[in-house]
C-alpha atoms as a PDB file:
ATOM      1  CA  UNK A   1     157.752  69.463-125.263  1.00  0.00           C
ATOM      2  CA  UNK A   2     158.288  68.598-128.698  1.00  0.00           C
ATOM      3  CA  UNK A   3     156.863  71.535-131.002  1.00  0.00           C
ATOM      4  CA  UNK A   4     154.215  72.627-128.329  1.00  0.00           C
ATOM      5  CA  UNK A   5     156.306  74.995-125.242  1.00  0.00           C
ATOM      6  CA  UNK A   6     159.567  76.075-125.580  1.00  0.00           C
ATOM      7  CA  UNK A   7     161.882  77.064-122.949  1.00  0.00           C
ATOM      8  CA  UNK A   8     160.091  74.489-120.375  1.00  0.00           C
ATOM      9  CA  UNK A   9     161.670  73.631-116.862  1.00  0.00           C
ATOM     10  CA  UNK A  10     160.161  70.614-115.138  1.00  0.00           C
ATOM     11  CA  UNK A  11     160.504  69.175-111.972  1.00  0.00           C
ATOM     12  CA  UNK A  12     163.275  66.400-111.686  1.00  0.00           C
ATOM     13  CA  UNK A  13     161.274  63.236-110.444  1.00  0.00           C
ATOM     14  CA  UNK A  14     157.446  64.303-111.445  1.00  0.00           C
ATOM     15  CA  UNK A  15     158.261  65.484-114.889  1.00  0.00           C
ATOM     16  CA  UNK A  16     155.011  67.685-114.153  1.00  0.00           C
ATOM     17  CA  UNK A  17     155.692  71.537-115.523  1.00  0.00           C
ATOM     18  CA  UNK A  18     156.885  74.488-113.747  1.00  0.00           C
ATOM     19  CA  UNK A  19     156.958  76.963-116.208  1.00  0.00           C
ATOM     20  CA  UNK A  20     157.860  77.865-119.568  1.00  0.00           C
ATOM     21  CA  UNK A  21     158.915  80.384-121.771  1.00  0.00           C
ATOM     22  CA  UNK A  22     156.560  80.083-125.109  1.00  0.00           C
ATOM     23  CA  UNK A  23     153.509  78.117-126.112  1.00  0.00           C
ATOM     24  CA  UNK A  24     152.168  77.790-129.423  1.00  0.00           C
ATOM     25  CA  UNK A  25     148.468  77.414-129.803  1.00  0.00           C
ATOM     26  CA  UNK A  26     146.863  76.490-132.904  1.00  0.00           C
ATOM     27  CA  UNK A  27     143.627  77.478-133.924  1.00  0.00           C
ATOM     28  CA  UNK A  28     141.434  75.883-136.898  1.00  0.00           C
ATOM     29  CA  UNK A  29     138.769  77.384-138.035  1.00  0.00           C
ATOM     30  CA  UNK A  30     136.413  76.376-141.388  1.00  0.00           C
ATOM     31  CA  UNK A  31     137.366  77.711-144.320  1.00  0.00           C
ATOM     32  CA  UNK A  32     135.602  80.342-145.624  1.00  0.00           C
ATOM     33  CA  UNK A  33     136.095  82.026-148.786  1.00  0.00           C
ATOM     34  CA  UNK A  34     137.831  84.582-148.217  1.00  0.00           C
ATOM     35  CA  UNK A  35     139.997  83.228-146.496  1.00  0.00           C
ATOM     36  CA  UNK A  36     142.511  86.552-146.043  1.00  0.00           C
ATOM     37  CA  UNK A  37     140.313  88.693-145.331  1.00  0.00           C
ATOM     38  CA  UNK A  38     139.424  86.491-142.620  1.00  0.00           C
ATOM     39  CA  UNK A  39     142.393  86.298-141.483  1.00  0.00           C
ATOM     40  CA  UNK A  40     143.591  90.055-141.503  1.00  0.00           C
ATOM     41  CA  UNK A  41     140.054  90.092-138.847  1.00  0.00           C
ATOM     42  CA  UNK A  42     141.637  87.487-136.525  1.00  0.00           C
ATOM     43  CA  UNK A  43     144.820  89.654-136.658  1.00  0.00           C
ATOM     44  CA  UNK A  44     143.582  92.463-136.132  1.00  0.00           C
ATOM     45  CA  UNK A  45     141.416  91.236-133.370  1.00  0.00           C
ATOM     46  CA  UNK A  46     144.688  89.707-131.686  1.00  0.00           C
ATOM     47  CA  UNK A  47     146.473  92.317-131.103  1.00  0.00           C
ATOM     48  CA  UNK A  48     143.657  95.077-130.032  1.00  0.00           C
ATOM     49  CA  UNK A  49     141.063  93.215-128.627  1.00  0.00           C
ATOM     50  CA  UNK A  50     142.610  90.368-126.575  1.00  0.00           C
ATOM     51  CA  UNK A  51     143.998  91.653-122.826  1.00  0.00           C
ATOM     52  CA  UNK A  52     147.025  89.948-120.989  1.00  0.00           C
ATOM     53  CA  UNK A  53     149.504  90.887-119.246  1.00  0.00           C
ATOM     54  CA  UNK A  54     152.528  92.571-119.800  1.00  0.00           C
ATOM     55  CA  UNK A  55     155.071  89.938-119.508  1.00  0.00           C
ATOM     56  CA  UNK A  56     153.638  88.257-122.596  1.00  0.00           C
ATOM     57  CA  UNK A  57     153.845  88.738-125.815  1.00  0.00           C
ATOM     58  CA  UNK A  58     152.561  87.516-128.605  1.00  0.00           C
ATOM     59  CA  UNK A  59     153.279  86.467-132.113  1.00  0.00           C
ATOM     60  CA  UNK A  60     150.988  85.504-134.910  1.00  0.00           C
ATOM     61  CA  UNK A  61     151.249  84.153-138.058  1.00  0.00           C
ATOM     62  CA  UNK A  62     148.603  83.152-140.443  1.00  0.00           C
ATOM     63  CA  UNK A  63     148.423  81.146-143.694  1.00  0.00           C
ATOM     64  CA  UNK A  64     148.420  84.021-146.190  1.00  0.00           C
ATOM     65  CA  UNK A  65     151.335  86.119-143.950  1.00  0.00           C
ATOM     66  CA  UNK A  66     153.332  84.876-146.659  1.00  0.00           C
ATOM     67  CA  UNK A  67     151.471  86.697-149.102  1.00  0.00           C
ATOM     68  CA  UNK A  68     150.404  89.530-147.335  1.00  0.00           C
ATOM     69  CA  UNK A  69     155.056  89.916-146.531  1.00  0.00           C
ATOM     70  CA  UNK A  70     155.364  88.892-150.556  1.00  0.00           C
ATOM     71  CA  UNK A  71     153.220  91.667-151.158  1.00  0.00           C
ATOM     72  CA  UNK A  72     154.588  94.187-148.975  1.00  0.00           C
ATOM     73  CA  UNK A  73     158.358  93.667-150.209  1.00  0.00           C
ATOM     74  CA  UNK A  74     156.382  94.003-153.296  1.00  0.00           C
ATOM     75  CA  UNK A  75     155.158  97.592-152.845  1.00  0.00           C
ATOM     76  CA  UNK A  76     158.668  98.550-151.311  1.00  0.00           C
ATOM     77  CA  UNK A  77     160.278  97.343-154.579  1.00  0.00           C
ATOM     78  CA  UNK A  78     158.266  98.986-156.848  1.00  0.00           C
ATOM     79  CA  UNK A  79     160.393 102.781-155.865  1.00  0.00           C
ATOM     80  CA  UNK A  80     163.361 101.612-157.548  1.00  0.00           C
ATOM     81  CA  UNK A  81     162.472 100.539-160.404  1.00  0.00           C
ATOM     82  CA  UNK A  82     161.743 103.821-161.930  1.00  0.00           C
ATOM     83  CA  UNK A  83     165.514 104.015-161.167  1.00  0.00           C
ATOM     84  CA  UNK A  84     166.728 100.642-162.067  1.00  0.00           C
ATOM     85  CA  UNK A  85     165.556 101.592-165.626  1.00  0.00           C
ATOM     86  CA  UNK A  86     167.202 104.521-165.675  1.00  0.00           C
ATOM     87  CA  UNK A  87     170.638 102.825-164.877  1.00  0.00           C
ATOM     88  CA  UNK A  88     169.854  99.969-167.213  1.00  0.00           C
ATOM     89  CA  UNK A  89     169.145 102.460-170.900  1.00  0.00           C
ATOM     90  CA  UNK A  90     171.316 104.877-168.962  1.00  0.00           C
ATOM     91  CA  UNK A  91     174.436 102.360-169.068  1.00  0.00           C
ATOM     92  CA  UNK A  92     173.619 100.506-172.511  1.00  0.00           C
ATOM     93  CA  UNK A  93     174.120 104.260-173.911  1.00  0.00           C
ATOM     94  CA  UNK A  94     177.287 105.216-172.321  1.00  0.00           C
ATOM     95  CA  UNK A  95     178.921 101.917-173.105  1.00  0.00           C
ATOM     96  CA  UNK A  96     177.796 102.310-177.356  1.00  0.00           C
ATOM     97  CA  UNK A  97     178.925 105.887-177.045  1.00  0.00           C
ATOM     98  CA  UNK A  98     181.509 106.664-179.522  1.00  0.00           C
ATOM     99  CA  UNK A  99     183.355 109.692-180.723  1.00  0.00           C
ATOM    100  CA  UNK A 100     183.125 109.242-183.357  1.00  0.00           C
ATOM    101  CA  UNK A 101     179.340 108.348-184.303  1.00  0.00           C
ATOM    102  CA  UNK A 102     178.133 111.364-182.271  1.00  0.00           C
ATOM    103  CA  UNK A 103     174.759 110.110-180.744  1.00  0.00           C
ATOM    104  CA  UNK A 104     174.000 107.753-183.055  1.00  0.00           C
ATOM    105  CA  UNK A 105     175.583 104.712-181.450  1.00  0.00           C
ATOM    106  CA  UNK A 106     173.972 106.193-178.246  1.00  0.00           C
ATOM    107  CA  UNK A 107     170.142 106.022-180.256  1.00  0.00           C
ATOM    108  CA  UNK A 108     170.763 102.597-182.132  1.00  0.00           C
ATOM    109  CA  UNK A 109     171.576 101.202-177.785  1.00  0.00           C
ATOM    110  CA  UNK A 110     168.751 102.994-176.242  1.00  0.00           C
ATOM    111  CA  UNK A 111     166.663 101.307-179.808  1.00  0.00           C
ATOM    112  CA  UNK A 112     168.028  97.712-178.626  1.00  0.00           C
ATOM    113  CA  UNK A 113     167.066  98.180-174.299  1.00  0.00           C
ATOM    114  CA  UNK A 114     163.816  99.351-176.294  1.00  0.00           C
ATOM    115  CA  UNK A 115     163.552  96.354-178.973  1.00  0.00           C
ATOM    116  CA  UNK A 116     163.643  94.649-175.469  1.00  0.00           C
ATOM    117  CA  UNK A 117     161.505  96.058-173.093  1.00  0.00           C
ATOM    118  CA  UNK A 118     158.258  95.458-175.855  1.00  0.00           C
ATOM    119  CA  UNK A 119     159.039  92.051-176.139  1.00  0.00           C
ATOM    120  CA  UNK A 120     158.681  91.239-172.154  1.00  0.00           C
ATOM    121  CA  UNK A 121     155.980  93.208-172.846  1.00  0.00           C
ATOM    122  CA  UNK A 122     153.958  91.190-175.232  1.00  0.00           C
ATOM    123  CA  UNK A 123     155.179  87.565-173.525  1.00  0.00           C
ATOM    124  CA  UNK A 124     153.847  89.055-170.453  1.00  0.00           C
ATOM    125  CA  UNK A 125     150.500  89.857-171.655  1.00  0.00           C
ATOM    126  CA  UNK A 126     150.167  86.867-174.004  1.00  0.00           C
ATOM    127  CA  UNK A 127     150.486  84.652-170.305  1.00  0.00           C
ATOM    128  CA  UNK A 128     147.832  86.981-168.923  1.00  0.00           C
ATOM    129  CA  UNK A 129     145.878  86.554-171.565  1.00  0.00           C
ATOM    130  CA  UNK A 130     146.104  82.663-171.451  1.00  0.00           C
ATOM    131  CA  UNK A 131     145.521  82.667-167.717  1.00  0.00           C
ATOM    132  CA  UNK A 132     149.442  82.310-166.124  1.00  0.00           C
ATOM    133  CA  UNK A 133     148.783  85.202-163.947  1.00  0.00           C
ATOM    134  CA  UNK A 134     152.453  86.573-162.379  1.00  0.00           C
ATOM    135  CA  UNK A 135     153.267  85.340-159.487  1.00  0.00           C
ATOM    136  CA  UNK A 136     155.306  88.136-156.465  1.00  0.00           C
ATOM    137  CA  UNK A 137     158.627  86.162-157.430  1.00  0.00           C
ATOM    138  CA  UNK A 138     158.510  86.312-161.134  1.00  0.00           C
ATOM    139  CA  UNK A 139     158.817  89.939-161.164  1.00  0.00           C
ATOM    140  CA  UNK A 140     162.650  89.116-161.554  1.00  0.00           C
ATOM    141  CA  UNK A 141     162.271  87.580-164.210  1.00  0.00           C
ATOM    142  CA  UNK A 142     161.522  90.933-166.462  1.00  0.00           C
ATOM    143  CA  UNK A 143     165.141  92.191-164.923  1.00  0.00           C
ATOM    144  CA  UNK A 144     166.822  88.850-165.771  1.00  0.00           C
ATOM    145  CA  UNK A 145     165.317  88.666-169.641  1.00  0.00           C
ATOM    146  CA  UNK A 146     166.042  92.145-170.557  1.00  0.00           C
ATOM    147  CA  UNK A 147     170.204  90.999-169.426  1.00  0.00           C
ATOM    148  CA  UNK A 148     169.982  88.754-172.086  1.00  0.00           C
ATOM    149  CA  UNK A 149     167.692  90.542-174.733  1.00  0.00           C
ATOM    150  CA  UNK A 150     170.322  93.307-173.929  1.00  0.00           C
ATOM    151  CA  UNK A 151     174.311  91.295-173.865  1.00  0.00           C
ATOM    152  CA  UNK A 152     172.667  90.077-177.096  1.00  0.00           C
ATOM    153  CA  UNK A 153     171.882  93.834-178.808  1.00  0.00           C
ATOM    154  CA  UNK A 154     175.657  94.379-178.005  1.00  0.00           C
ATOM    155  CA  UNK A 155     177.123  91.297-180.403  1.00  0.00           C
ATOM    156  CA  UNK A 156     175.141  92.522-183.289  1.00  0.00           C
ATOM    157  CA  UNK A 157     176.123  96.104-182.199  1.00  0.00           C
ATOM    158  CA  UNK A 158     179.494  95.111-182.847  1.00  0.00           C
ATOM    159  CA  UNK A 159     179.734  93.324-185.410  1.00  0.00           C
ATOM    160  CA  UNK A 160     177.328  95.797-186.914  1.00  0.00           C
ATOM    161  CA  UNK A 161     180.336  98.764-185.845  1.00  0.00           C
ATOM    162  CA  UNK A 162     183.477  96.464-187.193  1.00  0.00           C
ATOM    163  CA  UNK A 163     181.465  96.409-190.092  1.00  0.00           C
ATOM    164  CA  UNK A 164     181.449 100.179-190.488  1.00  0.00           C
ATOM    165  CA  UNK A 165     184.395 101.121-189.704  1.00  0.00           C
ATOM    166  CA  UNK A 166     185.846  97.976-192.021  1.00  0.00           C
ATOM    167  CA  UNK A 167     183.871  99.407-195.215  1.00  0.00           C
ATOM    168  CA  UNK A 168     185.977 102.978-195.406  1.00  0.00           C
ATOM    169  CA  UNK A 169     188.845 100.947-197.388  1.00  0.00           C
ATOM    170  CA  UNK A 170     185.997  99.214-198.607  1.00  0.00           C
ATOM    171  CA  UNK A 171     182.397 100.133-200.142  1.00  0.00           C
ATOM    172  CA  UNK A 172     179.146  98.148-198.073  1.00  0.00           C
ATOM    173  CA  UNK A 173     175.335  98.773-198.624  1.00  0.00           C
ATOM    174  CA  UNK A 174     172.741  99.051-196.396  1.00  0.00           C
ATOM    175  CA  UNK A 175     171.536  94.695-197.469  1.00  0.00           C
ATOM    176  CA  UNK A 176     175.819  94.074-197.324  1.00  0.00           C
ATOM    177  CA  UNK A 177     176.211  95.206-193.581  1.00  0.00           C
ATOM    178  CA  UNK A 178     172.848  94.050-192.484  1.00  0.00           C
ATOM    179  CA  UNK A 179     173.725  90.581-193.615  1.00  0.00           C
ATOM    180  CA  UNK A 180     176.938  90.059-192.438  1.00  0.00           C
ATOM    181  CA  UNK A 181     175.945  91.447-189.139  1.00  0.00           C
ATOM    182  CA  UNK A 182     173.152  88.365-188.602  1.00  0.00           C
ATOM    183  CA  UNK A 183     175.561  85.742-190.266  1.00  0.00           C
ATOM    184  CA  UNK A 184     178.130  86.591-187.199  1.00  0.00           C
ATOM    185  CA  UNK A 185     175.529  87.312-184.973  1.00  0.00           C
ATOM    186  CA  UNK A 186     172.953  84.055-185.288  1.00  0.00           C
ATOM    187  CA  UNK A 187     174.849  81.700-183.809  1.00  0.00           C
ATOM    188  CA  UNK A 188     175.749  82.199-181.241  1.00  0.00           C
ATOM    189  CA  UNK A 189     172.429  84.245-180.164  1.00  0.00           C
ATOM    190  CA  UNK A 190     170.552  81.524-180.938  1.00  0.00           C
ATOM    191  CA  UNK A 191     172.300  78.539-178.982  1.00  0.00           C
ATOM    192  CA  UNK A 192     172.700  80.968-176.123  1.00  0.00           C
ATOM    193  CA  UNK A 193     168.685  81.419-176.093  1.00  0.00           C
ATOM    194  CA  UNK A 194     168.107  78.177-177.137  1.00  0.00           C
ATOM    195  CA  UNK A 195     170.578  76.908-174.085  1.00  0.00           C
ATOM    196  CA  UNK A 196     168.498  79.067-171.509  1.00  0.00           C
ATOM    197  CA  UNK A 197     164.802  77.782-173.103  1.00  0.00           C
ATOM    198  CA  UNK A 198     165.777  74.362-172.208  1.00  0.00           C
ATOM    199  CA  UNK A 199     166.644  75.492-168.857  1.00  0.00           C
ATOM    200  CA  UNK A 200     163.496  77.095-167.897  1.00  0.00           C
ATOM    201  CA  UNK A 201     161.748  74.435-170.008  1.00  0.00           C
ATOM    202  CA  UNK A 202     163.044  72.117-167.853  1.00  0.00           C
ATOM    203  CA  UNK A 203     161.862  74.553-164.643  1.00  0.00           C
ATOM    204  CA  UNK A 204     158.841  74.653-165.865  1.00  0.00           C
ATOM    205  CA  UNK A 205     158.036  70.583-165.542  1.00  0.00           C
ATOM    206  CA  UNK A 206     158.220  71.936-161.385  1.00  0.00           C
ATOM    207  CA  UNK A 207     155.381  70.343-158.979  1.00  0.00           C
ATOM    208  CA  UNK A 208     156.234  73.577-157.286  1.00  0.00           C
ATOM    209  CA  UNK A 209     153.641  76.167-159.038  1.00  0.00           C
ATOM    210  CA  UNK A 210     155.803  78.945-158.134  1.00  0.00           C
ATOM    211  CA  UNK A 211     158.506  78.064-159.585  1.00  0.00           C
ATOM    212  CA  UNK A 212     156.690  76.794-162.698  1.00  0.00           C
ATOM    213  CA  UNK A 213     155.084  80.065-163.251  1.00  0.00           C
ATOM    214  CA  UNK A 214     158.783  81.555-162.851  1.00  0.00           C
ATOM    215  CA  UNK A 215     160.094  79.361-165.190  1.00  0.00           C
ATOM    216  CA  UNK A 216     157.446  79.740-167.023  1.00  0.00           C
ATOM    217  CA  UNK A 217     157.479  83.074-167.785  1.00  0.00           C
ATOM    218  CA  UNK A 218     160.611  83.154-168.269  1.00  0.00           C
ATOM    219  CA  UNK A 219     160.853  80.878-170.977  1.00  0.00           C
ATOM    220  CA  UNK A 220     158.543  82.629-173.014  1.00  0.00           C
ATOM    221  CA  UNK A 221     159.940  86.037-172.819  1.00  0.00           C
ATOM    222  CA  UNK A 222     163.091  84.444-173.400  1.00  0.00           C
ATOM    223  CA  UNK A 223     161.704  83.308-176.612  1.00  0.00           C
ATOM    224  CA  UNK A 224     159.525  86.031-177.851  1.00  0.00           C
ATOM    225  CA  UNK A 225     162.534  89.612-176.556  1.00  0.00           C
ATOM    226  CA  UNK A 226     164.770  87.032-179.192  1.00  0.00           C
ATOM    227  CA  UNK A 227     161.980  87.364-181.741  1.00  0.00           C
ATOM    228  CA  UNK A 228     161.820  90.923-181.419  1.00  0.00           C
ATOM    229  CA  UNK A 229     165.520  91.485-181.597  1.00  0.00           C
ATOM    230  CA  UNK A 230     166.376  89.356-184.423  1.00  0.00           C
ATOM    231  CA  UNK A 231     162.743  91.742-186.175  1.00  0.00           C
ATOM    232  CA  UNK A 232     162.881  95.078-184.476  1.00  0.00           C
ATOM    233  CA  UNK A 233     166.345  95.649-183.977  1.00  0.00           C
ATOM    234  CA  UNK A 234     167.356  94.203-186.590  1.00  0.00           C
ATOM    235  CA  UNK A 235     164.786  96.518-189.043  1.00  0.00           C
ATOM    236  CA  UNK A 236     165.992  99.390-186.997  1.00  0.00           C
ATOM    237  CA  UNK A 237     169.192  98.587-187.069  1.00  0.00           C
ATOM    238  CA  UNK A 238     168.947  98.757-191.022  1.00  0.00           C
ATOM    239  CA  UNK A 239     167.140 102.019-190.822  1.00  0.00           C
ATOM    240  CA  UNK A 240     170.043 104.034-189.180  1.00  0.00           C
ATOM    241  CA  UNK A 241     173.278 102.185-191.862  1.00  0.00           C
ATOM    242  CA  UNK A 242     172.515 104.501-193.939  1.00  0.00           C
ATOM    243  CA  UNK A 243     173.901 107.558-192.040  1.00  0.00           C
ATOM    244  CA  UNK A 244     176.084 105.405-189.832  1.00  0.00           C
ATOM    245  CA  UNK A 245     177.937 104.498-192.828  1.00  0.00           C
ATOM    246  CA  UNK A 246     178.319 108.254-193.857  1.00  0.00           C
ATOM    247  CA  UNK A 247     179.587 109.300-190.675  1.00  0.00           C
ATOM    248  CA  UNK A 248     182.338 106.555-191.425  1.00  0.00           C
ATOM    249  CA  UNK A 249     182.649 107.501-194.694  1.00  0.00           C
ATOM    250  CA  UNK A 250     183.108 111.271-194.207  1.00  0.00           C
ATOM    251  CA  UNK A 251     185.282 110.429-190.479  1.00  0.00           C
ATOM    252  CA  UNK A 252     187.189 108.113-192.986  1.00  0.00           C
ATOM    253  CA  UNK A 253     188.142 110.344-195.265  1.00  0.00           C
ATOM    254  CA  UNK A 254     188.875 113.145-193.701  1.00  0.00           C
ATOM    255  CA  UNK A 255     191.219 111.892-192.033  1.00  0.00           C
ATOM    256  CA  UNK A 256     192.791 110.891-195.396  1.00  0.00           C
ATOM    257  CA  UNK A 257     193.134 114.396-196.097  1.00  0.00           C
ATOM    258  CA  UNK A 258     194.888 115.228-193.031  1.00  0.00           C
ATOM    259  CA  UNK A 259     196.872 112.742-193.405  1.00  0.00           C
ATOM    260  CA  UNK A 260     197.373 113.695-197.054  1.00  0.00           C
ATOM    261  CA  UNK A 261     198.188 117.149-195.737  1.00  0.00           C
ATOM    262  CA  UNK A 262     200.378 116.752-193.539  1.00  0.00           C
ATOM    263  CA  UNK A 263     202.404 114.347-195.855  1.00  0.00           C
ATOM    264  CA  UNK A 264     202.485 117.337-198.228  1.00  0.00           C
ATOM    265  CA  UNK A 265     203.964 119.085-195.515  1.00  0.00           C
ATOM    266  CA  UNK A 266     206.775 116.929-194.086  1.00  0.00           C
ATOM    267  CA  UNK A 267     207.598 116.630-197.768  1.00  0.00           C
ATOM    268  CA  UNK A 268     207.808 120.127-198.687  1.00  0.00           C
END
């Protein structure tokens, strides 16, 4: 019987409804100003005050049900945010751990995560100030943008580490180290960022408001995080360059003296 009745049994000849397992009832009310509050009052009345037989079950749905469900999901997932942030920082620090440099690389990788987080907070604050408010579905944006920003950080750290290890045989100063790091990594980081921003920019033209807001937040956040990784994280790399260079040179000189002493022992 269309979308009104379900599980219908009718008479064979007349088509009269004998029984129905489901009946859909639609109530149209004049739209009040606080529609969400009105829906809550109506749902509460249906649950508590409406009397019906025990063999009848009522399932309700309103226009604000989706919004309430999203808020409930957000409240439940907020408990996992500290754990997810801890796992992300721990993964970056442990992945960058180098025994020869003690804890310096772990600290620098933490700086990379902190720089991406600062860029993300800046982008969200800017969009909120200009009137583009965050929707519930866009809560995945921080993890998406942080993963891309951390990927850029790992790329810069890899080139930076290779430049430090190669400086054991040939002298290199801080300016040359930063210049090599940016020269080798800027092309890959720039192309990746431009392609991601273009994809989300095209998505911001979507006719759906939720998808449009999500794409705007992602595109702006990617641009700001890219800027922060080149400026803030690059400056932190420059400040940590002398300590890492000294550690690399000390490690190299220790290994060289050990090899020389071993050679002298074998020759004697």
